[in-house]
Amino acid sequence: MKPRVIRKSPFTLVEVLISFSLLAIILGILFTHFRSSSIISSKTEKVKTMSLAREHVYERLSQMFSCVESSEKFFVDESACSFYTEEVSENEKPKELYFGIKHSIDREIEFSSYILGKLFIDEENILTMELRPYKKENAHKVRIEKMLPSVKNMAFTFYKIKKEDAEDGKLTSSLKDFEILDRFVPDEKNLPYALTITLFLENEETPIEYTFFISSQIEPIAYVS
């Protein structure tokens, strides 16, 4: 008796097409999932990096402005200035800030004393800070710090104690005690009380604002019982 041979019927064309269709759908879902995850991860990393950069800007400039020295302390030449904005016409707003600070101990001896600083937006729309020693013989030594990308514009707001209040030694209590300026002229001897820097970013409607108190203008905190 011959053994019975069971022949398996081959796949039909319809079954093959259905299998490929299901495989394509599954692969499409997986690809979409991984692509979405990759985009979300990239955006999250970009936001995180930008947030850290913005925080670094505040911390770094706070450090700088806490060391600003007035002109009479900073320079031997009384006609020189240590804190001012670039000179522009009345219809324009300055985009560069110059300041002089007394720097702490640094790895380079030339930067361990009085240094000059400049805050500006470079040609690549990056908020940049330039530092150089005050002494002319060391002026060729320059440090460039790239601080924040995609900055298309910058504006300043200076809060200056009114002259009559400053002469009387009056304590400031509200904005009415200040002159609010959008520039600070080179021949101004007294430093402003505080400074707000507004940064306008590319592809963002809401600007960033940083407010700093200028070193020698911070009033002591008084506790009254």
N, C-alpha and C. Protein backbone atom coordinates (compact mmCIF):
# COMPACT_ATOMS: atom_id res chain seq x y z
N MET A 1 0.85 -1.19 0.00
CA MET A 1 0.00 0.00 0.00
C MET A 1 0.89 1.24 0.00
N LYS A 2 0.65 2.06 -0.98
CA LYS A 2 1.45 3.28 -1.10
C LYS A 2 1.05 4.30 -0.04
N PRO A 3 2.08 4.96 0.54
CA PRO A 3 1.74 6.00 1.53
C PRO A 3 0.97 7.15 0.87
N ARG A 4 0.11 7.70 1.70
CA ARG A 4 -0.73 8.81 1.18
C ARG A 4 0.05 10.12 1.23
N VAL A 5 0.15 10.76 0.14
CA VAL A 5 0.89 12.05 0.07
C VAL A 5 -0.11 13.21 0.18
N ILE A 6 0.17 14.05 1.21
CA ILE A 6 -0.71 15.21 1.40
C ILE A 6 -0.02 16.43 0.79
N ARG A 7 -0.59 16.96 -0.17
CA ARG A 7 -0.02 18.14 -0.84
C ARG A 7 -0.61 19.43 -0.26
N LYS A 8 0.28 20.32 0.16
CA LYS A 8 -0.15 21.62 0.68
C LYS A 8 -0.45 22.55 -0.49
N SER A 9 -1.57 23.18 -0.39
CA SER A 9 -1.95 24.11 -1.45
C SER A 9 -1.11 25.37 -1.33
N PRO A 10 -0.57 25.88 -2.40
CA PRO A 10 0.25 27.11 -2.34
C PRO A 10 -0.61 28.33 -2.01
N PHE A 11 0.10 29.46 -1.57
CA PHE A 11 -0.62 30.71 -1.28
C PHE A 11 -1.22 31.26 -2.57
N THR A 12 -2.37 31.76 -2.41
CA THR A 12 -2.99 32.40 -3.57
C THR A 12 -2.46 33.84 -3.69
N LEU A 13 -2.63 34.43 -4.82
CA LEU A 13 -2.17 35.80 -5.07
C LEU A 13 -2.86 36.79 -4.13
N VAL A 14 -4.12 36.53 -3.84
CA VAL A 14 -4.88 37.42 -2.95
C VAL A 14 -4.27 37.41 -1.55
N GLU A 15 -3.90 36.20 -1.06
CA GLU A 15 -3.31 36.09 0.28
C GLU A 15 -1.95 36.80 0.33
N VAL A 16 -1.17 36.69 -0.71
CA VAL A 16 0.13 37.38 -0.76
C VAL A 16 -0.05 38.89 -0.72
N LEU A 17 -1.02 39.37 -1.51
CA LEU A 17 -1.28 40.81 -1.53
C LEU A 17 -1.74 41.32 -0.18
N ILE A 18 -2.60 40.54 0.47
CA ILE A 18 -3.09 40.93 1.79
C ILE A 18 -1.94 40.97 2.80
N SER A 19 -1.05 39.99 2.73
CA SER A 19 0.10 39.93 3.65
C SER A 19 1.00 41.14 3.46
N PHE A 20 1.30 41.47 2.21
CA PHE A 20 2.13 42.64 1.94
C PHE A 20 1.46 43.93 2.38
N SER A 21 0.14 44.00 2.21
CA SER A 21 -0.61 45.20 2.63
C SER A 21 -0.54 45.37 4.14
N LEU A 22 -0.73 44.28 4.89
CA LEU A 22 -0.66 44.34 6.36
C LEU A 22 0.76 44.72 6.81
N LEU A 23 1.76 44.12 6.13
CA LEU A 23 3.14 44.44 6.48
C LEU A 23 3.45 45.91 6.22
N ALA A 24 2.94 46.44 5.12
CA ALA A 24 3.16 47.85 4.80
C ALA A 24 2.50 48.76 5.83
N ILE A 25 1.30 48.39 6.25
CA ILE A 25 0.59 49.19 7.26
C ILE A 25 1.35 49.20 8.58
N ILE A 26 1.82 48.02 9.01
CA ILE A 26 2.56 47.91 10.27
C ILE A 26 3.86 48.71 10.22
N LEU A 27 4.59 48.56 9.11
CA LEU A 27 5.83 49.30 8.96
C LEU A 27 5.58 50.82 8.92
N GLY A 28 4.48 51.21 8.28
CA GLY A 28 4.12 52.63 8.22
C GLY A 28 3.84 53.19 9.60
N ILE A 29 3.10 52.41 10.41
CA ILE A 29 2.79 52.85 11.78
C ILE A 29 4.06 52.98 12.60
N LEU A 30 4.94 51.97 12.49
CA LEU A 30 6.20 52.00 13.25
C LEU A 30 7.08 53.17 12.81
N PHE A 31 7.17 53.42 11.50
CA PHE A 31 7.98 54.52 10.99
C PHE A 31 7.45 55.86 11.49
N THR A 32 6.12 56.02 11.44
CA THR A 32 5.50 57.27 11.91
C THR A 32 5.77 57.48 13.39
N HIS A 33 5.68 56.38 14.17
CA HIS A 33 5.92 56.47 15.61
C HIS A 33 7.36 56.90 15.90
N PHE A 34 8.32 56.23 15.26
CA PHE A 34 9.73 56.56 15.50
C PHE A 34 10.07 57.96 15.00
N ARG A 35 9.45 58.37 13.89
CA ARG A 35 9.70 59.71 13.35
C ARG A 35 9.17 60.77 14.31
N SER A 36 7.95 60.54 14.81
CA SER A 36 7.35 61.49 15.77
C SER A 36 8.19 61.57 17.04
N SER A 37 8.64 60.41 17.51
CA SER A 37 9.47 60.38 18.72
C SER A 37 10.76 61.14 18.51
N SER A 38 11.35 60.96 17.31
CA SER A 38 12.60 61.65 16.99
C SER A 38 12.41 63.16 16.94
N ILE A 39 11.29 63.61 16.34
CA ILE A 39 11.00 65.05 16.23
C ILE A 39 10.78 65.65 17.61
N ILE A 40 9.98 64.95 18.44
CA ILE A 40 9.70 65.43 19.79
C ILE A 40 10.98 65.50 20.61
N SER A 41 11.82 64.47 20.48
CA SER A 41 13.09 64.44 21.21
C SER A 41 13.99 65.59 20.78
N SER A 42 14.02 65.85 19.46
CA SER A 42 14.85 66.93 18.94
C SER A 42 14.35 68.29 19.43
N LYS A 43 13.03 68.50 19.40
CA LYS A 43 12.46 69.76 19.87
C LYS A 43 12.70 69.95 21.36
N THR A 44 12.55 68.86 22.13
CA THR A 44 12.77 68.93 23.57
C THR A 44 14.21 69.31 23.88
N GLU A 45 15.14 68.69 23.14
CA GLU A 45 16.56 68.99 23.34
C GLU A 45 16.87 70.43 22.97
N LYS A 46 16.23 70.92 21.90
CA LYS A 46 16.45 72.29 21.47
C LYS A 46 15.94 73.28 22.51
N VAL A 47 14.74 73.02 23.05
CA VAL A 47 14.16 73.88 24.09
C VAL A 47 15.03 73.86 25.34
N LYS A 48 15.50 72.67 25.70
CA LYS A 48 16.36 72.53 26.89
C LYS A 48 17.65 73.31 26.70
N THR A 49 18.27 73.18 25.52
CA THR A 49 19.51 73.89 25.25
C THR A 49 19.30 75.40 25.28
N MET A 50 18.18 75.86 24.68
CA MET A 50 17.88 77.29 24.66
C MET A 50 17.62 77.82 26.07
N SER A 51 16.91 77.04 26.88
CA SER A 51 16.62 77.45 28.25
C SER A 51 17.91 77.59 29.06
N LEU A 52 18.82 76.63 28.88
CA LEU A 52 20.10 76.71 29.58
C LEU A 52 20.91 77.90 29.11
N ALA A 53 20.85 78.19 27.79
CA ALA A 53 21.57 79.34 27.25
C ALA A 53 21.02 80.65 27.82
N ARG A 54 19.70 80.74 27.92
CA ARG A 54 19.08 81.96 28.47
C ARG A 54 19.45 82.14 29.95
N GLU A 55 19.47 81.04 30.67
CA GLU A 55 19.85 81.10 32.08
C GLU A 55 21.31 81.51 32.23
N HIS A 56 22.13 80.99 31.32
CA HIS A 56 23.56 81.34 31.36
C HIS A 56 23.76 82.83 31.09
N VAL A 57 22.99 83.40 30.16
CA VAL A 57 23.08 84.83 29.86
C VAL A 57 22.81 85.64 31.13
N TYR A 58 21.75 85.29 31.85
CA TYR A 58 21.40 86.04 33.06
C TYR A 58 22.50 85.91 34.12
N GLU A 59 22.97 84.70 34.34
CA GLU A 59 23.99 84.49 35.37
C GLU A 59 25.29 85.19 35.01
N ARG A 60 25.68 85.10 33.74
CA ARG A 60 26.95 85.70 33.31
C ARG A 60 26.90 87.23 33.37
N LEU A 61 25.81 87.82 32.89
CA LEU A 61 25.71 89.28 32.92
C LEU A 61 25.52 89.79 34.34
N SER A 62 24.82 89.03 35.18
CA SER A 62 24.71 89.41 36.59
C SER A 62 26.09 89.48 37.23
N GLN A 63 26.91 88.50 36.89
CA GLN A 63 28.28 88.49 37.41
C GLN A 63 29.05 89.72 36.93
N MET A 64 28.90 90.08 35.66
CA MET A 64 29.61 91.24 35.11
C MET A 64 29.14 92.54 35.76
N PHE A 65 27.82 92.75 35.78
CA PHE A 65 27.28 94.03 36.25
C PHE A 65 27.42 94.20 37.76
N SER A 66 27.65 93.11 38.47
CA SER A 66 27.89 93.23 39.91
C SER A 66 29.29 93.75 40.20
N CYS A 67 30.12 93.80 39.16
CA CYS A 67 31.51 94.26 39.33
C CYS A 67 31.78 95.60 38.63
N VAL A 68 30.73 96.23 38.11
CA VAL A 68 30.91 97.50 37.40
C VAL A 68 31.44 98.57 38.36
N GLU A 69 32.43 99.30 37.89
CA GLU A 69 33.01 100.40 38.68
C GLU A 69 32.65 101.73 38.04
N SER A 70 32.42 102.74 38.86
CA SER A 70 32.14 104.07 38.33
C SER A 70 33.40 104.63 37.68
N SER A 71 33.23 105.63 36.84
CA SER A 71 34.36 106.18 36.08
C SER A 71 35.46 106.71 36.97
N GLU A 72 35.09 107.38 38.05
CA GLU A 72 36.10 108.00 38.91
C GLU A 72 36.95 106.95 39.64
N LYS A 73 36.38 105.77 39.86
CA LYS A 73 37.16 104.69 40.48
C LYS A 73 37.95 103.90 39.44
N PHE A 74 37.37 103.83 38.25
CA PHE A 74 37.92 102.95 37.23
C PHE A 74 39.11 103.55 36.51
N PHE A 75 38.99 104.82 36.16
CA PHE A 75 40.00 105.43 35.29
C PHE A 75 40.84 106.47 36.03
N VAL A 76 42.06 106.58 35.60
CA VAL A 76 42.91 107.69 36.07
C VAL A 76 42.47 108.97 35.38
N ASP A 77 42.10 108.82 34.10
CA ASP A 77 41.62 109.95 33.31
C ASP A 77 40.15 110.18 33.62
N GLU A 78 39.81 111.29 34.29
CA GLU A 78 38.45 111.55 34.72
C GLU A 78 37.50 111.82 33.55
N SER A 79 38.06 112.13 32.38
CA SER A 79 37.21 112.41 31.23
C SER A 79 36.69 111.12 30.59
N ALA A 80 37.28 109.97 30.95
CA ALA A 80 36.86 108.69 30.39
C ALA A 80 35.61 108.19 31.10
N CYS A 81 34.92 107.24 30.47
CA CYS A 81 33.68 106.70 31.02
C CYS A 81 33.78 105.19 31.14
N SER A 82 33.06 104.64 32.11
CA SER A 82 33.13 103.19 32.31
C SER A 82 31.81 102.49 32.02
N PHE A 83 30.75 103.26 31.73
CA PHE A 83 29.45 102.64 31.51
C PHE A 83 28.62 103.53 30.59
N TYR A 84 28.38 103.07 29.36
CA TYR A 84 27.63 103.90 28.41
C TYR A 84 27.21 103.06 27.21
N THR A 85 26.26 103.58 26.45
CA THR A 85 25.82 102.92 25.21
C THR A 85 26.46 103.62 24.01
N GLU A 86 26.40 102.96 22.87
CA GLU A 86 26.96 103.55 21.65
C GLU A 86 26.22 104.84 21.30
N GLU A 87 26.90 105.75 20.66
CA GLU A 87 26.29 107.01 20.26
C GLU A 87 25.53 106.82 18.95
N VAL A 88 24.22 107.07 18.99
CA VAL A 88 23.37 106.97 17.80
C VAL A 88 22.46 108.20 17.76
N SER A 89 21.77 108.37 16.66
CA SER A 89 20.86 109.52 16.53
C SER A 89 19.65 109.34 17.44
N GLU A 90 18.91 110.41 17.61
CA GLU A 90 17.74 110.37 18.49
C GLU A 90 16.67 109.41 17.98
N ASN A 91 16.63 109.19 16.68
CA ASN A 91 15.62 108.30 16.10
C ASN A 91 16.00 106.82 16.21
N GLU A 92 17.25 106.58 16.57
CA GLU A 92 17.72 105.20 16.71
C GLU A 92 17.89 104.85 18.18
N LYS A 93 17.84 103.54 18.45
CA LYS A 93 18.12 103.06 19.80
C LYS A 93 19.45 102.32 19.78
N PRO A 94 20.28 102.56 20.79
CA PRO A 94 21.60 101.90 20.81
C PRO A 94 21.47 100.39 20.94
N LYS A 95 22.41 99.69 20.30
CA LYS A 95 22.42 98.22 20.35
C LYS A 95 23.72 97.68 20.94
N GLU A 96 24.54 98.59 21.46
CA GLU A 96 25.79 98.17 22.06
C GLU A 96 25.95 98.84 23.43
N LEU A 97 26.43 98.06 24.39
CA LEU A 97 26.65 98.58 25.74
C LEU A 97 28.11 98.37 26.12
N TYR A 98 28.75 99.44 26.61
CA TYR A 98 30.14 99.37 27.04
C TYR A 98 30.18 99.51 28.56
N PHE A 99 31.04 98.74 29.20
CA PHE A 99 31.13 98.80 30.66
C PHE A 99 32.53 98.44 31.11
N GLY A 100 32.90 98.96 32.28
CA GLY A 100 34.19 98.65 32.87
C GLY A 100 33.99 97.97 34.21
N ILE A 101 34.70 96.89 34.45
CA ILE A 101 34.53 96.14 35.70
C ILE A 101 35.89 95.89 36.35
N LYS A 102 35.83 95.65 37.63
CA LYS A 102 37.02 95.21 38.36
C LYS A 102 36.89 93.70 38.51
N HIS A 103 37.64 92.98 37.68
CA HIS A 103 37.52 91.52 37.62
C HIS A 103 38.26 90.87 38.78
N SER A 104 37.80 89.68 39.16
CA SER A 104 38.44 88.95 40.24
C SER A 104 39.64 88.16 39.68
N ILE A 105 40.17 87.26 40.48
CA ILE A 105 41.33 86.47 40.07
C ILE A 105 40.99 85.64 38.84
N ASP A 106 41.90 85.66 37.87
CA ASP A 106 41.68 84.97 36.61
C ASP A 106 42.92 84.15 36.26
N ARG A 107 42.74 83.13 35.40
CA ARG A 107 43.88 82.30 35.00
C ARG A 107 44.92 83.09 34.20
N GLU A 108 44.47 84.19 33.58
CA GLU A 108 45.39 85.08 32.88
C GLU A 108 45.52 86.36 33.70
N ILE A 109 46.74 86.69 34.06
CA ILE A 109 46.99 87.83 34.94
C ILE A 109 46.44 89.13 34.37
N GLU A 110 46.42 89.25 33.04
CA GLU A 110 45.94 90.49 32.41
C GLU A 110 44.46 90.73 32.67
N PHE A 111 43.72 89.66 32.94
CA PHE A 111 42.28 89.78 33.18
C PHE A 111 41.94 89.75 34.67
N SER A 112 42.94 89.93 35.51
CA SER A 112 42.71 89.85 36.96
C SER A 112 42.56 91.22 37.61
N SER A 113 42.37 92.24 36.81
CA SER A 113 42.20 93.58 37.36
C SER A 113 41.08 94.29 36.60
N TYR A 114 41.30 95.52 36.21
CA TYR A 114 40.28 96.28 35.49
C TYR A 114 40.22 95.84 34.03
N ILE A 115 39.02 95.53 33.58
CA ILE A 115 38.85 95.14 32.17
C ILE A 115 37.65 95.87 31.57
N LEU A 116 37.67 96.01 30.28
CA LEU A 116 36.61 96.66 29.54
C LEU A 116 35.71 95.62 28.89
N GLY A 117 34.42 95.86 28.92
CA GLY A 117 33.47 94.92 28.32
C GLY A 117 32.59 95.61 27.28
N LYS A 118 32.12 94.80 26.35
CA LYS A 118 31.22 95.31 25.31
C LYS A 118 30.17 94.23 25.04
N LEU A 119 28.90 94.60 25.07
CA LEU A 119 27.80 93.68 24.79
C LEU A 119 27.14 94.11 23.50
N PHE A 120 27.02 93.17 22.54
CA PHE A 120 26.48 93.53 21.23
C PHE A 120 25.96 92.29 20.52
N ILE A 121 25.31 92.49 19.36
CA ILE A 121 24.85 91.40 18.51
C ILE A 121 25.79 91.33 17.31
N ASP A 122 26.39 90.17 17.07
CA ASP A 122 27.35 90.07 15.98
C ASP A 122 26.66 89.85 14.64
N GLU A 123 27.44 89.66 13.59
CA GLU A 123 26.90 89.52 12.24
C GLU A 123 26.07 88.25 12.05
N GLU A 124 26.27 87.27 12.92
CA GLU A 124 25.51 86.02 12.84
C GLU A 124 24.29 86.02 13.76
N ASN A 125 23.92 87.21 14.23
CA ASN A 125 22.77 87.37 15.14
C ASN A 125 22.95 86.60 16.45
N ILE A 126 24.16 86.63 16.97
CA ILE A 126 24.45 86.00 18.25
C ILE A 126 24.76 87.09 19.27
N LEU A 127 24.10 87.02 20.43
CA LEU A 127 24.43 87.94 21.51
C LEU A 127 25.85 87.63 21.98
N THR A 128 26.70 88.64 21.93
CA THR A 128 28.12 88.42 22.16
C THR A 128 28.66 89.40 23.19
N MET A 129 29.59 88.92 24.00
CA MET A 129 30.27 89.80 24.95
C MET A 129 31.77 89.75 24.66
N GLU A 130 32.35 90.94 24.58
CA GLU A 130 33.79 91.07 24.33
C GLU A 130 34.45 91.65 25.57
N LEU A 131 35.54 91.03 26.00
CA LEU A 131 36.28 91.50 27.17
C LEU A 131 37.73 91.71 26.79
N ARG A 132 38.32 92.82 27.28
CA ARG A 132 39.73 93.09 27.03
C ARG A 132 40.30 93.85 28.23
N PRO A 133 41.60 93.66 28.52
CA PRO A 133 42.22 94.38 29.64
C PRO A 133 42.20 95.89 29.42
N TYR A 134 42.13 96.65 30.51
CA TYR A 134 42.10 98.11 30.43
C TYR A 134 43.46 98.68 30.01
N LYS A 135 44.54 98.06 30.49
CA LYS A 135 45.86 98.58 30.17
C LYS A 135 46.14 98.46 28.68
N LYS A 136 46.64 99.53 28.10
CA LYS A 136 46.85 99.58 26.66
C LYS A 136 47.84 98.53 26.17
N GLU A 137 48.84 98.23 26.99
CA GLU A 137 49.84 97.25 26.55
C GLU A 137 49.27 95.83 26.44
N ASN A 138 48.11 95.62 27.07
CA ASN A 138 47.48 94.29 27.01
C ASN A 138 46.18 94.31 26.20
N ALA A 139 45.94 95.43 25.51
CA ALA A 139 44.65 95.58 24.80
C ALA A 139 44.49 94.59 23.65
N HIS A 140 45.59 93.99 23.19
CA HIS A 140 45.49 93.03 22.09
C HIS A 140 44.89 91.70 22.54
N LYS A 141 44.87 91.48 23.87
CA LYS A 141 44.27 90.25 24.39
C LYS A 141 42.76 90.44 24.48
N VAL A 142 42.03 89.65 23.74
CA VAL A 142 40.57 89.81 23.68
C VAL A 142 39.89 88.46 23.92
N ARG A 143 38.83 88.49 24.70
CA ARG A 143 37.99 87.30 24.88
C ARG A 143 36.62 87.57 24.27
N ILE A 144 36.16 86.61 23.48
CA ILE A 144 34.85 86.72 22.85
C ILE A 144 33.97 85.60 23.39
N GLU A 145 32.84 85.96 23.97
CA GLU A 145 31.90 84.96 24.49
C GLU A 145 30.61 85.01 23.66
N LYS A 146 30.30 83.91 22.98
CA LYS A 146 29.05 83.77 22.25
C LYS A 146 27.99 83.30 23.24
N MET A 147 26.97 84.12 23.46
CA MET A 147 26.07 83.85 24.58
C MET A 147 24.71 83.30 24.20
N LEU A 148 24.08 83.85 23.16
CA LEU A 148 22.73 83.41 22.80
C LEU A 148 22.51 83.59 21.31
N PRO A 149 22.08 82.53 20.59
CA PRO A 149 21.86 82.64 19.14
C PRO A 149 20.49 83.21 18.80
N SER A 150 20.30 83.51 17.53
CA SER A 150 19.00 83.94 16.97
C SER A 150 18.46 85.21 17.61
N VAL A 151 19.34 86.14 17.94
CA VAL A 151 18.92 87.44 18.49
C VAL A 151 18.93 88.46 17.36
N LYS A 152 17.76 88.97 17.01
CA LYS A 152 17.70 89.91 15.89
C LYS A 152 17.79 91.37 16.32
N ASN A 153 17.49 91.65 17.58
CA ASN A 153 17.56 93.04 18.04
C ASN A 153 17.70 93.07 19.56
N MET A 154 18.13 94.22 20.08
CA MET A 154 18.33 94.37 21.51
C MET A 154 18.02 95.81 21.91
N ALA A 155 17.41 95.96 23.08
CA ALA A 155 17.09 97.31 23.58
C ALA A 155 17.45 97.40 25.06
N PHE A 156 17.76 98.62 25.50
CA PHE A 156 18.14 98.86 26.89
C PHE A 156 17.16 99.81 27.57
N THR A 157 16.94 99.58 28.85
CA THR A 157 16.18 100.51 29.68
C THR A 157 16.98 100.76 30.95
N PHE A 158 17.36 102.03 31.17
CA PHE A 158 18.16 102.38 32.33
C PHE A 158 17.29 103.10 33.36
N TYR A 159 17.47 102.73 34.61
CA TYR A 159 16.74 103.36 35.71
C TYR A 159 17.75 104.19 36.51
N LYS A 160 17.63 105.49 36.37
CA LYS A 160 18.58 106.40 37.00
C LYS A 160 17.87 107.20 38.09
N ILE A 161 18.48 107.23 39.27
CA ILE A 161 17.89 108.00 40.37
C ILE A 161 17.89 109.48 40.01
N LYS A 162 16.75 110.14 40.22
CA LYS A 162 16.65 111.56 39.89
C LYS A 162 17.69 112.37 40.65
N LYS A 163 18.22 113.38 39.97
CA LYS A 163 19.33 114.15 40.51
C LYS A 163 19.03 114.73 41.89
N GLU A 164 17.81 115.28 42.05
CA GLU A 164 17.49 115.91 43.35
C GLU A 164 17.41 114.88 44.47
N ASP A 165 16.95 113.66 44.12
CA ASP A 165 16.87 112.60 45.13
C ASP A 165 18.25 112.08 45.48
N ALA A 166 19.11 111.99 44.47
CA ALA A 166 20.47 111.50 44.71
C ALA A 166 21.25 112.47 45.60
N GLU A 167 21.07 113.80 45.37
CA GLU A 167 21.78 114.81 46.16
C GLU A 167 21.27 114.84 47.60
N ASP A 168 19.96 114.58 47.78
CA ASP A 168 19.39 114.60 49.13
C ASP A 168 19.59 113.29 49.87
N GLY A 169 20.09 112.26 49.14
CA GLY A 169 20.26 110.95 49.77
C GLY A 169 18.94 110.27 50.05
N LYS A 170 17.91 110.62 49.29
CA LYS A 170 16.57 110.06 49.50
C LYS A 170 16.52 108.61 49.03
N LEU A 171 15.87 107.77 49.83
CA LEU A 171 15.71 106.38 49.46
C LEU A 171 14.65 106.26 48.38
N THR A 172 14.92 105.43 47.37
CA THR A 172 13.95 105.23 46.29
C THR A 172 12.88 104.25 46.74
N SER A 173 11.63 104.49 46.34
CA SER A 173 10.54 103.62 46.75
C SER A 173 9.66 103.17 45.60
N SER A 174 9.66 103.91 44.47
CA SER A 174 8.82 103.54 43.34
C SER A 174 9.45 104.06 42.06
N LEU A 175 8.82 103.70 40.93
CA LEU A 175 9.35 104.11 39.63
C LEU A 175 9.36 105.62 39.45
N LYS A 176 8.50 106.34 40.18
CA LYS A 176 8.46 107.80 40.03
C LYS A 176 9.74 108.47 40.55
N ASP A 177 10.53 107.71 41.31
CA ASP A 177 11.79 108.24 41.82
C ASP A 177 12.94 108.11 40.81
N PHE A 178 12.64 107.52 39.63
CA PHE A 178 13.69 107.26 38.66
C PHE A 178 13.44 108.01 37.35
N GLU A 179 14.54 108.32 36.68
CA GLU A 179 14.48 108.71 35.27
C GLU A 179 14.64 107.41 34.47
N ILE A 180 13.75 107.18 33.51
CA ILE A 180 13.82 105.97 32.71
C ILE A 180 14.35 106.35 31.33
N LEU A 181 15.50 105.80 30.97
CA LEU A 181 16.20 106.17 29.74
C LEU A 181 16.41 104.96 28.85
N ASP A 182 16.48 105.20 27.54
CA ASP A 182 16.76 104.09 26.61
C ASP A 182 18.21 104.10 26.15
N ARG A 183 19.01 105.01 26.70
CA ARG A 183 20.44 105.09 26.40
C ARG A 183 21.15 105.71 27.60
N PHE A 184 22.46 105.53 27.65
CA PHE A 184 23.24 106.10 28.75
C PHE A 184 24.45 106.78 28.14
N VAL A 185 24.51 108.09 28.30
CA VAL A 185 25.51 108.88 27.59
C VAL A 185 26.89 108.74 28.23
N PRO A 186 27.95 108.88 27.43
CA PRO A 186 29.32 108.71 27.94
C PRO A 186 29.72 109.70 29.02
N ASP A 187 29.15 110.92 29.01
CA ASP A 187 29.59 111.92 29.99
C ASP A 187 28.83 111.83 31.31
N GLU A 188 28.02 110.77 31.49
CA GLU A 188 27.29 110.58 32.75
C GLU A 188 28.23 109.94 33.77
N LYS A 189 28.49 110.64 34.87
CA LYS A 189 29.44 110.15 35.86
C LYS A 189 28.83 109.09 36.77
N ASN A 190 27.57 109.26 37.16
CA ASN A 190 26.93 108.32 38.07
C ASN A 190 26.36 107.12 37.31
N LEU A 191 26.52 105.96 37.88
CA LEU A 191 25.98 104.75 37.27
C LEU A 191 24.46 104.69 37.44
N PRO A 192 23.76 103.99 36.57
CA PRO A 192 22.32 103.82 36.76
C PRO A 192 22.06 102.90 37.95
N TYR A 193 20.86 102.99 38.49
CA TYR A 193 20.47 102.13 39.61
C TYR A 193 20.29 100.70 39.13
N ALA A 194 19.63 100.55 37.97
CA ALA A 194 19.36 99.22 37.42
C ALA A 194 19.28 99.31 35.91
N LEU A 195 19.31 98.15 35.29
CA LEU A 195 19.30 98.07 33.83
C LEU A 195 18.44 96.88 33.41
N THR A 196 17.55 97.12 32.41
CA THR A 196 16.80 96.03 31.80
C THR A 196 17.25 95.87 30.36
N ILE A 197 17.62 94.65 30.00
CA ILE A 197 18.01 94.34 28.62
C ILE A 197 16.89 93.50 28.00
N THR A 198 16.38 93.97 26.87
CA THR A 198 15.32 93.25 26.16
C THR A 198 15.89 92.66 24.88
N LEU A 199 15.73 91.35 24.72
CA LEU A 199 16.24 90.66 23.54
C LEU A 199 15.07 90.20 22.68
N PHE A 200 15.12 90.55 21.40
CA PHE A 200 14.10 90.14 20.45
C PHE A 200 14.68 88.99 19.61
N LEU A 201 14.02 87.83 19.71
CA LEU A 201 14.54 86.63 19.06
C LEU A 201 13.86 86.35 17.73
N GLU A 202 14.56 85.68 16.86
CA GLU A 202 13.99 85.28 15.58
C GLU A 202 12.92 84.20 15.80
N ASN A 203 11.82 84.31 15.05
CA ASN A 203 10.73 83.32 15.09
C ASN A 203 10.04 83.23 16.44
N GLU A 204 10.19 84.27 17.28
CA GLU A 204 9.49 84.31 18.57
C GLU A 204 8.87 85.69 18.76
N GLU A 205 7.59 85.70 19.10
CA GLU A 205 6.88 86.97 19.26
C GLU A 205 7.20 87.64 20.59
N THR A 206 7.39 86.84 21.63
CA THR A 206 7.61 87.39 22.96
C THR A 206 9.09 87.58 23.22
N PRO A 207 9.54 88.79 23.49
CA PRO A 207 10.97 89.03 23.77
C PRO A 207 11.36 88.53 25.16
N ILE A 208 12.65 88.43 25.39
CA ILE A 208 13.19 88.07 26.71
C ILE A 208 13.64 89.34 27.40
N GLU A 209 13.33 89.46 28.68
CA GLU A 209 13.77 90.63 29.44
C GLU A 209 14.60 90.18 30.65
N TYR A 210 15.74 90.82 30.80
CA TYR A 210 16.61 90.59 31.96
C TYR A 210 16.78 91.91 32.69
N THR A 211 16.64 91.90 34.00
CA THR A 211 16.86 93.11 34.80
C THR A 211 18.02 92.87 35.76
N PHE A 212 18.94 93.83 35.79
CA PHE A 212 20.14 93.72 36.63
C PHE A 212 20.28 94.97 37.48
N PHE A 213 20.73 94.81 38.71
CA PHE A 213 21.11 95.94 39.55
C PHE A 213 22.59 96.20 39.33
N ILE A 214 22.93 97.46 39.22
CA ILE A 214 24.33 97.84 38.99
C ILE A 214 25.03 97.94 40.33
N SER A 215 26.21 97.36 40.42
CA SER A 215 26.95 97.11 41.66
C SER A 215 26.85 98.19 42.73
N SER A 216 27.43 99.35 42.46
CA SER A 216 27.55 100.36 43.52
C SER A 216 26.26 101.12 43.75
N GLN A 217 25.19 100.79 42.99
CA GLN A 217 23.94 101.53 43.14
C GLN A 217 22.90 100.76 43.97
N ILE A 218 23.25 99.58 44.44
CA ILE A 218 22.29 98.80 45.21
C ILE A 218 22.23 99.34 46.63
N GLU A 219 21.03 99.65 47.08
CA GLU A 219 20.88 100.20 48.42
C GLU A 219 20.89 99.07 49.45
N PRO A 220 21.41 99.32 50.62
CA PRO A 220 21.41 98.28 51.66
C PRO A 220 19.99 97.99 52.14
N ILE A 221 19.75 96.77 52.55
CA ILE A 221 18.42 96.41 53.09
C ILE A 221 18.37 96.82 54.54
N ALA A 222 17.35 97.57 54.90
CA ALA A 222 17.19 98.06 56.27
C ALA A 222 16.02 97.35 56.94
N TYR A 223 16.24 96.80 58.11
CA TYR A 223 15.18 96.14 58.90
C TYR A 223 14.71 97.09 59.97
N VAL A 224 13.43 97.41 59.94
CA VAL A 224 12.86 98.35 60.90
C VAL A 224 11.94 97.58 61.83
N SER A 225 12.19 97.67 63.14
CA SER A 225 11.36 96.95 64.12
C SER A 225 10.30 97.89 64.69
